[in-house]
C-alpha atoms as a PDB file:
ATOM      1  CA  MET A   1      21.291   5.809 189.748  1.00  0.00           C
ATOM      2  CA  ARG A   2      24.789   7.034 189.025  1.00  0.00           C
ATOM      3  CA  ARG A   3      27.337   4.451 187.955  1.00  0.00           C
ATOM      4  CA  ALA A   4      29.588   5.196 190.958  1.00  0.00           C
ATOM      5  CA  ARG A   5      26.891   3.903 193.260  1.00  0.00           C
ATOM      6  CA  LEU A   6      27.083   0.519 191.586  1.00  0.00           C
ATOM      7  CA  VAL A   7      30.788  -0.037 192.228  1.00  0.00           C
ATOM      8  CA  CYS A   8      31.970   2.360 194.953  1.00  0.00           C
ATOM      9  CA  VAL A   9      31.779   1.656 198.656  1.00  0.00           C
ATOM     10  CA  ASP A  10      31.707   5.406 199.370  1.00  0.00           C
ATOM     11  CA  PRO A  11      30.181   7.212 196.361  1.00  0.00           C
ATOM     12  CA  GLU A  12      30.552  10.691 197.880  1.00  0.00           C
ATOM     13  CA  HIS A  13      34.252  10.158 198.549  1.00  0.00           C
ATOM     14  CA  SER A  14      34.662   8.807 194.994  1.00  0.00           C
ATOM     15  CA  ARG A  15      32.961  11.891 193.560  1.00  0.00           C
ATOM     16  CA  ARG A  16      35.204  14.231 195.564  1.00  0.00           C
ATOM     17  CA  THR A  17      38.321  12.298 194.543  1.00  0.00           C
ATOM     18  CA  ARG A  18      37.437  12.385 190.834  1.00  0.00           C
ATOM     19  CA  ARG A  19      36.656  16.096 190.971  1.00  0.00           C
ATOM     20  CA  ALA A  20      39.920  16.873 192.810  1.00  0.00           C
ATOM     21  CA  PHE A  21      41.862  14.917 190.171  1.00  0.00           C
ATOM     22  CA  LEU A  22      40.179  16.804 187.335  1.00  0.00           C
ATOM     23  CA  GLU A  23      40.689  20.194 189.013  1.00  0.00           C
ATOM     24  CA  ARG A  24      44.360  19.457 189.681  1.00  0.00           C
ATOM     25  CA  TYR A  25      45.359  18.094 186.268  1.00  0.00           C
ATOM     26  CA  ALA A  26      43.071  19.906 183.818  1.00  0.00           C
ATOM     27  CA  ASP A  27      44.906  22.165 181.402  1.00  0.00           C
ATOM     28  CA  THR A  28      48.345  20.865 182.428  1.00  0.00           C
ATOM     29  CA  ASP A  29      50.930  18.832 180.513  1.00  0.00           C
ATOM     30  CA  THR A  30      50.135  15.771 182.642  1.00  0.00           C
ATOM     31  CA  LEU A  31      49.415  12.703 180.527  1.00  0.00           C
ATOM     32  CA  VAL A  32      46.526  10.626 181.830  1.00  0.00           C
ATOM     33  CA  MET A  33      46.293   6.899 181.135  1.00  0.00           C
ATOM     34  CA  LEU A  34      42.722   5.707 181.477  1.00  0.00           C
ATOM     35  CA  ALA A  35      42.023   2.285 182.936  1.00  0.00           C
ATOM     36  CA  HIS A  36      39.009   0.208 181.885  1.00  0.00           C
ATOM     37  CA  PHE A  37      38.622   2.054 178.580  1.00  0.00           C
ATOM     38  CA  PRO A  38      39.602   0.887 175.088  1.00  0.00           C
ATOM     39  CA  ALA A  39      42.434   2.548 173.161  1.00  0.00           C
ATOM     40  CA  PRO A  40      43.111   5.322 172.539  1.00  0.00           C
ATOM     41  CA  SER A  41      43.314   5.915 176.271  1.00  0.00           C
ATOM     42  CA  VAL A  42      46.298   8.238 176.743  1.00  0.00           C
ATOM     43  CA  GLY A  43      45.767  11.977 176.716  1.00  0.00           C
ATOM     44  CA  ARG A  44      45.126  15.116 178.699  1.00  0.00           C
ATOM     45  CA  VAL A  45      42.208  16.574 180.603  1.00  0.00           C
ATOM     46  CA  VAL A  46      41.067  20.016 179.474  1.00  0.00           C
ATOM     47  CA  ARG A  47      38.402  22.312 180.834  1.00  0.00           C
ATOM     48  CA  ALA A  48      35.259  22.656 178.763  1.00  0.00           C
ATOM     49  CA  GLY A  49      33.171  25.355 180.417  1.00  0.00           C
ATOM     50  CA  ALA A  50      31.844  23.922 183.678  1.00  0.00           C
ATOM     51  CA  ALA A  51      32.939  20.396 182.682  1.00  0.00           C
ATOM     52  CA  TRP A  52      36.043  18.610 181.399  1.00  0.00           C
ATOM     53  CA  ARG A  53      37.046  16.818 178.206  1.00  0.00           C
ATOM     54  CA  PHE A  54      39.597  14.106 177.551  1.00  0.00           C
ATOM     55  CA  VAL A  55      41.858  14.933 174.584  1.00  0.00           C
ATOM     56  CA  VAL A  56      43.665  11.937 173.104  1.00  0.00           C
ATOM     57  CA  GLN A  57      47.447  12.195 172.751  1.00  0.00           C
ATOM     58  CA  ASP A  58      47.933  11.438 169.039  1.00  0.00           C
ATOM     59  CA  ASP A  59      51.500  10.137 169.244  1.00  0.00           C
ATOM     60  CA  CYS A  60      50.771   7.418 171.825  1.00  0.00           C
ATOM     61  CA  PRO A  61      49.856   3.859 170.850  1.00  0.00           C
END
């Protein structure tokens, strides 16, 4: 079972929303601040083949 199914009322909508966010902001200068994750949690999304990676912004606390 995917984690989204444990906490999302509409898992399919959640999946589409996450994918749209990643497609829109990957490989841009947009800083992303992750919620519910320990520091470091500020960085950028970059494409990694057919997936994405989170790259930490070194100069953020």
